[in-house]
Protein backbone atom coordinates (compact mmCIF):
# COMPACT_ATOMS: atom_id res chain seq x y z
CA UNK A 1 2.10 -15.65 -8.39
CA UNK A 2 -0.10 -12.87 -9.85
CA UNK A 3 1.36 -9.43 -9.45
CA UNK A 4 -0.20 -5.97 -9.49
CA UNK A 5 0.80 -2.39 -8.59
CA UNK A 6 -0.60 -0.39 -5.73
CA UNK A 7 0.20 2.88 -4.18
CA UNK A 8 -0.27 3.62 -0.54
CA UNK A 9 1.21 7.00 0.17
CA UNK A 10 -0.02 7.86 3.61
CA UNK A 11 2.42 9.09 6.30
CA UNK A 12 2.32 9.45 10.00
CA UNK A 13 5.22 11.33 11.59
CA UNK A 14 7.52 10.27 14.36
CA UNK A 15 10.35 12.65 15.13
CA UNK A 16 11.87 14.86 17.76
CA UNK A 17 10.91 18.10 15.98
CA UNK A 18 10.16 21.51 17.51
CA UNK A 19 8.63 23.55 14.64
CA UNK A 20 8.63 27.30 14.78
CA UNK A 21 5.10 28.99 14.85
CA UNK A 22 3.49 29.10 11.44
CA UNK A 23 1.88 32.31 10.34
CA UNK A 24 0.59 34.08 7.26
CA UNK A 25 -0.11 31.63 4.52
CA UNK A 26 -1.09 34.34 2.12
CA UNK A 27 -4.08 33.50 -0.10
CA UNK A 28 -4.81 35.45 -3.23
CA UNK A 29 -7.94 34.51 -5.28
CA UNK A 30 -7.79 33.88 -9.06
CA UNK A 31 -10.22 35.67 -11.40
CA UNK A 32 -13.54 33.71 -11.66
CA UNK A 33 -13.52 31.12 -14.50
CA UNK A 34 -15.87 31.84 -17.53
CA UNK A 35 -17.83 28.63 -17.03
CA UNK A 36 -21.51 27.70 -16.85
CA UNK A 37 -23.46 25.79 -14.21
CA UNK A 38 -25.00 22.56 -15.58
CA UNK A 39 -28.81 22.31 -15.31
CA UNK A 40 -29.96 21.19 -11.84
CA UNK A 41 -31.69 18.15 -13.29
CA UNK A 42 -28.37 16.75 -14.44
CA UNK A 43 -26.77 17.13 -10.97
CA UNK A 44 -26.76 13.79 -9.11
CA UNK A 45 -27.84 13.49 -5.53
CA UNK A 46 -24.94 13.59 -2.98
CA UNK A 47 -24.19 11.28 -0.09
CA UNK A 48 -23.47 13.27 2.92
CA UNK A 49 -20.88 11.75 5.39
CA UNK A 50 -19.51 12.89 8.69
CA UNK A 51 -15.89 12.53 9.11
CA UNK A 52 -13.29 12.48 11.97
CA UNK A 53 -9.54 12.92 12.31
CA UNK A 54 -7.03 10.14 12.58
CA UNK A 55 -3.57 11.75 13.26
CA UNK A 56 -4.81 14.96 11.47
CA UNK A 57 -6.01 12.82 8.45
CA UNK A 58 -9.70 12.43 7.43
CA UNK A 59 -11.67 9.34 8.19
CA UNK A 60 -15.12 8.37 6.79
CA UNK A 61 -17.27 5.47 7.62
CA UNK A 62 -17.45 2.56 5.18
CA UNK A 63 -19.23 -0.74 5.08
CA UNK A 64 -17.82 -3.99 3.94
CA UNK A 65 -20.64 -6.33 2.97
CA UNK A 66 -23.15 -6.10 5.79
CA UNK A 67 -20.43 -5.18 8.37
CA UNK A 68 -19.40 -1.76 9.63
CA UNK A 69 -19.18 1.11 9.64
CA UNK A 70 -15.31 1.15 9.78
CA UNK A 71 -13.50 4.43 9.77
CA UNK A 72 -11.11 4.41 6.76
CA UNK A 73 -8.65 7.32 6.04
CA UNK A 74 -9.52 9.15 2.89
CA UNK A 75 -6.27 9.03 0.84
CA UNK A 76 -6.18 10.66 -2.58
CA UNK A 77 -2.58 9.83 -2.93
CA UNK A 78 -3.23 6.08 -2.84
CA UNK A 79 -4.09 4.36 -6.09
CA UNK A 80 -5.82 1.42 -4.23
CA UNK A 81 -7.90 0.90 -1.11
CA UNK A 82 -5.93 -0.81 1.66
CA UNK A 83 -7.37 -2.85 4.56
CA UNK A 84 -5.74 -3.68 7.76
CA UNK A 85 -4.83 -7.36 8.31
CA UNK A 86 -6.54 -7.33 11.57
CA UNK A 87 -9.91 -6.27 10.03
CA UNK A 88 -9.48 -8.72 7.20
CA UNK A 89 -9.02 -11.47 9.68
CA UNK A 90 -11.94 -10.41 11.71
CA UNK A 91 -14.25 -10.43 8.67
CA UNK A 92 -12.58 -13.71 7.44
CA UNK A 93 -12.04 -12.33 3.95
CA UNK A 94 -10.63 -14.65 1.24
CA UNK A 95 -7.01 -14.13 0.38
CA UNK A 96 -6.22 -12.52 -3.02
CA UNK A 97 -3.04 -12.22 -5.17
CA UNK A 98 0.15 -10.71 -3.96
CA UNK A 99 0.84 -7.15 -5.32
CA UNK A 100 3.80 -4.86 -5.60
CA UNK A 101 3.21 -1.88 -3.19
CA UNK A 102 4.78 1.49 -3.52
CA UNK A 103 4.75 3.62 -0.38
CA UNK A 104 6.46 6.78 0.59
CA UNK A 105 9.06 4.74 2.56
CA UNK A 106 9.85 2.12 0.03
CA UNK A 107 8.26 -0.71 -2.06
CA UNK A 108 7.78 -4.47 -1.84
CA UNK A 109 5.37 -7.43 -2.19
CA UNK A 110 2.23 -7.49 0.10
CA UNK A 111 -0.73 -9.90 0.22
CA UNK A 112 -4.18 -8.75 -0.51
CA UNK A 113 -7.74 -9.79 0.63
CA UNK A 114 -10.90 -9.91 -1.50
CA UNK A 115 -13.48 -7.35 -0.30
CA UNK A 116 -16.72 -8.64 -1.78
CA UNK A 117 -18.51 -5.20 -1.64
CA UNK A 118 -17.17 -1.99 -0.10
CA UNK A 119 -19.43 1.15 0.14
CA UNK A 120 -18.97 4.69 1.18
CA UNK A 121 -22.37 5.62 2.33
CA UNK A 122 -25.00 4.68 -0.31
CA UNK A 123 -22.19 4.64 -2.96
CA UNK A 124 -20.10 1.68 -3.99
CA UNK A 125 -20.73 -1.87 -3.26
CA UNK A 126 -18.06 -2.97 -5.66
CA UNK A 127 -15.71 -5.97 -5.30
CA UNK A 128 -12.03 -5.13 -4.91
CA UNK A 129 -8.72 -6.82 -4.02
CA UNK A 130 -7.24 -4.72 -1.27
CA UNK A 131 -3.54 -4.81 -0.13
CA UNK A 132 -3.34 -5.70 3.54
CA UNK A 133 -1.09 -3.87 6.18
CA UNK A 134 -0.83 -3.57 9.80
CA UNK A 135 -3.32 -1.44 11.65
CA UNK A 136 -0.63 0.29 13.79
CA UNK A 137 1.13 1.52 10.68
CA UNK A 138 -2.05 2.52 8.80
CA UNK A 139 -3.33 4.46 11.68
CA UNK A 140 -6.75 2.90 11.31
CA UNK A 141 -8.74 -0.09 9.88
CA UNK A 142 -7.95 0.89 6.28
CA UNK A 143 -7.26 3.54 3.61
CA UNK A 144 -9.85 4.55 1.08
CA UNK A 145 -8.06 4.96 -2.23
CA UNK A 146 -8.77 6.10 -5.83
CA UNK A 147 -10.16 2.71 -6.88
CA UNK A 148 -13.13 3.58 -4.75
CA UNK A 149 -13.24 7.25 -5.28
CA UNK A 150 -12.71 7.34 -9.13
CA UNK A 151 -15.87 8.50 -10.99
CA UNK A 152 -16.92 10.76 -8.07
CA UNK A 153 -16.66 14.27 -6.81
CA UNK A 154 -15.47 14.53 -3.24
CA UNK A 155 -16.21 17.68 -1.21
CA UNK A 156 -14.60 18.09 2.06
CA UNK A 157 -16.11 20.74 4.31
CA UNK A 158 -13.77 21.33 7.19
CA UNK A 159 -16.01 23.87 8.98
CA UNK A 160 -18.99 21.44 9.14
CA UNK A 161 -16.79 18.36 9.50
CA UNK A 162 -18.69 16.71 6.65
CA UNK A 163 -17.59 15.01 3.40
CA UNK A 164 -19.97 14.81 0.31
CA UNK A 165 -19.45 12.00 -2.27
CA UNK A 166 -21.31 12.70 -5.55
CA UNK A 167 -21.21 10.62 -8.72
CA UNK A 168 -19.63 12.84 -11.43
CA UNK A 169 -19.32 12.69 -15.18
CA UNK A 170 -17.12 14.60 -17.65
CA UNK A 171 -18.73 17.94 -18.37
CA UNK A 172 -18.20 20.38 -21.30
CA UNK A 173 -19.05 23.22 -19.06
CA UNK A 174 -18.84 23.74 -15.27
CA UNK A 175 -20.01 26.24 -12.61
CA UNK A 176 -18.13 29.46 -12.33
CA UNK A 177 -16.02 30.02 -9.22
CA UNK A 178 -17.73 31.66 -6.24
CA UNK A 179 -16.31 34.87 -4.86
CA UNK A 180 -14.34 32.99 -2.07
CA UNK A 181 -13.36 30.10 -4.33
CA UNK A 182 -10.40 29.20 -6.67
CA UNK A 183 -10.71 26.65 -9.34
CA UNK A 184 -7.51 24.69 -10.01
CA UNK A 185 -7.29 22.52 -13.20
CA UNK A 186 -5.15 19.44 -13.15
CA UNK A 187 -4.14 16.44 -15.34
CA UNK A 188 -4.55 12.82 -14.49
CA UNK A 189 -1.57 10.59 -13.84
CA UNK A 190 -2.22 6.93 -12.73
CA UNK A 191 -5.69 8.27 -11.65
CA UNK A 192 -4.16 11.05 -9.41
CA UNK A 193 -4.57 14.72 -10.07
CA UNK A 194 -1.34 16.47 -10.85
CA UNK A 195 -1.49 20.38 -10.86
CA UNK A 196 0.82 22.05 -13.30
CA UNK A 197 -0.22 25.73 -12.75
CA UNK A 198 2.13 25.78 -9.65
CA UNK A 199 5.30 27.82 -8.96
CA UNK A 200 8.06 28.23 -6.39
CA UNK A 201 9.42 31.72 -6.71
CA UNK A 202 8.27 31.98 -10.25
CA UNK A 203 9.62 28.61 -11.28
CA UNK A 204 7.17 25.90 -12.43
CA UNK A 205 6.69 22.85 -10.16
CA UNK A 206 4.25 19.84 -10.15
CA UNK A 207 1.80 19.44 -7.27
CA UNK A 208 -0.14 16.31 -6.35
CA UNK A 209 -2.97 16.50 -3.78
CA UNK A 210 -2.48 13.86 -1.10
CA UNK A 211 -5.10 13.97 1.65
CA UNK A 212 -3.47 10.79 3.31
CA UNK A 213 -0.29 12.47 4.43
CA UNK A 214 -0.04 14.61 7.54
CA UNK A 215 2.75 16.78 6.05
CA UNK A 216 3.50 18.01 2.50
CA UNK A 217 6.35 16.11 0.81
CA UNK A 218 8.81 17.52 -1.73
CA UNK A 219 11.18 15.64 -3.98
CA UNK A 220 15.01 16.29 -4.04
CA UNK A 221 14.69 18.42 -7.19
CA UNK A 222 12.52 20.78 -5.26
CA UNK A 223 14.88 20.58 -2.31
CA UNK A 224 17.74 21.75 -4.41
CA UNK A 225 15.66 24.69 -5.72
CA UNK A 226 14.60 25.71 -2.13
CA UNK A 227 18.12 25.22 -0.65
CA UNK A 228 19.30 28.22 -2.63
CA UNK A 229 17.20 30.51 -0.36
CA UNK A 230 16.52 28.31 2.66
CA UNK A 231 19.60 27.22 4.58
CA UNK A 232 18.03 25.86 7.76
CA UNK A 233 16.64 22.26 7.57
CA UNK A 234 16.11 19.68 10.24
CA UNK A 235 16.16 15.80 9.91
CA UNK A 236 12.91 14.07 10.80
CA UNK A 237 11.72 10.62 10.65
CA UNK A 238 8.36 9.72 8.88
CA UNK A 239 6.71 6.35 9.49
CA UNK A 240 5.20 4.88 6.34
CA UNK A 241 2.18 2.56 6.05
CA UNK A 242 4.39 -0.43 5.64
CA UNK A 243 6.19 0.28 8.97
CA UNK A 244 9.36 1.44 7.45
CA UNK A 245 10.92 4.78 8.44
CA UNK A 246 11.69 7.49 5.83
CA UNK A 247 14.27 10.07 6.88
CA UNK A 248 13.52 13.54 5.47
CA UNK A 249 14.89 17.08 5.63
CA UNK A 250 12.16 19.45 7.09
CA UNK A 251 11.72 23.20 6.76
CA UNK A 252 9.28 25.94 6.06
CA UNK A 253 9.20 27.54 2.55
CA UNK A 254 7.65 30.66 1.24
CA UNK A 255 6.26 31.67 -2.19
CA UNK A 256 4.57 28.45 -3.22
CA UNK A 257 1.88 29.41 -5.70
CA UNK A 258 -0.93 27.02 -6.78
CA UNK A 259 -3.21 28.70 -9.33
CA UNK A 260 -4.42 31.90 -7.48
CA UNK A 261 -3.23 30.79 -4.12
CA UNK A 262 -0.04 31.81 -2.40
CA UNK A 263 1.34 29.72 0.50
CA UNK A 264 3.79 31.28 2.96
CA UNK A 265 5.59 29.34 5.78
CA UNK A 266 4.48 26.04 4.24
CA UNK A 267 5.99 23.01 6.17
CA UNK A 268 7.56 20.64 3.79
CA UNK A 269 9.58 17.42 4.24
CA UNK A 270 12.02 16.53 1.43
CA UNK A 271 13.03 13.00 0.61
CA UNK A 272 13.89 10.72 -2.29
CA UNK A 273 10.39 9.00 -1.90
CA UNK A 274 9.45 6.07 -4.10
CA UNK A 275 6.19 7.67 -5.57
CA UNK A 276 8.23 10.51 -7.18
CA UNK A 277 10.10 7.82 -9.14
CA UNK A 278 6.87 6.11 -10.19
CA UNK A 279 5.39 9.46 -11.41
CA UNK A 280 8.61 10.09 -13.20
CA UNK A 281 9.09 13.33 -11.14
CA UNK A 282 12.79 12.91 -10.33
CA UNK A 283 14.28 15.70 -12.36
CA UNK A 284 11.29 18.06 -12.26
CA UNK A 285 10.59 19.79 -8.88
CA UNK A 286 7.48 18.31 -7.39
CA UNK A 287 5.32 18.66 -4.12
CA UNK A 288 2.69 16.33 -2.64
CA UNK A 289 0.37 18.70 -0.86
CA UNK A 290 -0.72 17.14 2.46
CA UNK A 291 -3.45 17.77 4.93
CA UNK A 292 -1.49 20.39 6.74
CA UNK A 293 -2.10 22.69 3.69
CA UNK A 294 -5.57 21.40 2.79
CA UNK A 295 -6.93 22.32 6.22
CA UNK A 296 -6.24 25.97 5.62
CA UNK A 297 -9.28 26.06 3.37
CA UNK A 298 -12.99 26.07 4.49
CA UNK A 299 -13.86 23.58 1.81
CA UNK A 300 -11.91 21.44 -0.77
CA UNK A 301 -13.72 19.82 -3.67
CA UNK A 302 -11.93 17.26 -5.79
CA UNK A 303 -13.64 16.22 -9.08
CA UNK A 304 -11.83 13.23 -10.49
CA UNK A 305 -13.64 12.93 -13.82
CA UNK A 306 -13.35 16.66 -14.68
CA UNK A 307 -9.74 16.88 -13.21
CA UNK A 308 -10.58 20.03 -11.18
CA UNK A 309 -10.09 21.27 -7.57
CA UNK A 310 -12.21 23.96 -5.95
CA UNK A 311 -10.68 25.59 -2.90
CA UNK A 312 -12.86 27.87 -0.78
CA UNK A 313 -10.66 30.44 0.89
CA UNK A 314 -10.58 31.41 4.61
CA UNK A 315 -12.83 34.19 5.69
CA UNK A 316 -11.61 37.59 4.46
CA UNK A 317 -9.36 36.14 1.85
CA UNK A 318 -11.56 37.12 -0.96
CA UNK A 319 -11.94 40.87 -0.05
CA UNK A 320 -8.40 41.98 -0.34
CA UNK A 321 -4.88 41.04 -1.41
CA UNK A 322 -3.52 41.33 2.01
CA UNK A 323 -2.08 38.03 3.52
CA UNK A 324 -4.51 36.10 5.65
CA UNK A 325 -2.98 34.94 8.93
CA UNK A 326 -3.59 31.23 9.61
CA UNK A 327 -1.88 29.17 12.36
CA UNK A 328 -0.25 25.88 11.11
CA UNK A 329 0.83 24.90 14.61
CA UNK A 330 -1.93 22.50 15.51
CA UNK A 331 -1.30 20.45 12.29
CA UNK A 332 2.39 20.33 12.53
CA UNK A 333 2.54 19.69 16.20
CA UNK A 334 1.53 16.08 15.34
CA UNK A 335 5.14 15.58 14.34
CA UNK A 336 6.15 15.56 17.86
CA UNK A 337 3.92 12.61 18.71
C-alpha cells in the first residue's frame, strides 16, 4: 500500500457557546515598503472568480474534467485538495493510493481518488490524487488546497465578493504598499506561509494563515502565555473534516500584533491540534489565523511564490492610529450552529 501525507485543516464548529460581543480590533498600518512595481508587461492576466460562503468559509467554482462547476472551499491551511466521496462516486473517479491524513482533530489513513484534471477558472487542468472525505464533514463537495494554489497569487476581495487567481513567479522587487495596505512577509513550511513578524504582548509567536477554518486556533504554548492575563475560558467542541470532534478552550485575547496590524478581542480556540505537531510548533507559541480574522480586511492577497501577504485595512484605518471598531459577532455566531 502506497502512503503519502496530506493536510486537511478545515474546521466547522459545533458547540453551545454564547460569545460576548466583539469590538475594536485595532488596526495600525506599517510604513510603506521600499519596493518597486514590476513592469506591466510582466504582469500575467488574472482569472476573476466570484465566491460564496460555506459556514463562513470561502467557496469558489472549480471544474473537474468537463464537469462542474463545483463549489470547493478555499483552504490555505490544507496541503492537498480534498474531494467528497459523494462527488467522487458521482463522477466515477478511479481510486488512488491510501494516504496518511493530518487534520485538526487527528490523523489516520484515508483513500484517494484520481482527478484527471481540476481547474479553477481558466487556470489549472492538472492531474491530482485527492483524499476523499464525507460531504457532511467537509461542508461542501471539496476543499481547494495548496497543491492547486501553489505558483499563484490569490487575491480575496471581501467587499466585491470576488477572488482573483493569478500566475505568479518569484520577483526581486515588488510593488510598494498602498496607503491602506500592510505587507506581511512570511517563510514557507510544507508549502504554507508562516509569519514570524508576529507578537502577543511583545513576545514573538508564529502565525499561519488558514482560510479553511471558521475560527483562529492557538497551540497549548500560546494558551499558557495567554492564561497569565486571561482567566476566563470556555470549553467548545470543533468538528473536523474527518468527522472527529476536537475539544478546545475558547476565549478572546488582546494585543496580537502581526506586522503593522493590532488585533483586539480576537476569538481564539486553544487545543493540542495535530498540525502544530507536524509543523514542529509544540514548544513555540503559534496561531492559525482563521476566516474570522481575515474578514476584517477589505482585501487579502496571498502570493505563494513570493511568500507575502497584502492586507487592505478597513476604511478609516489608514488615516489615524485610533482603533477601528469592527464587529466580530456575525462570524463567531456560527459557533452556535
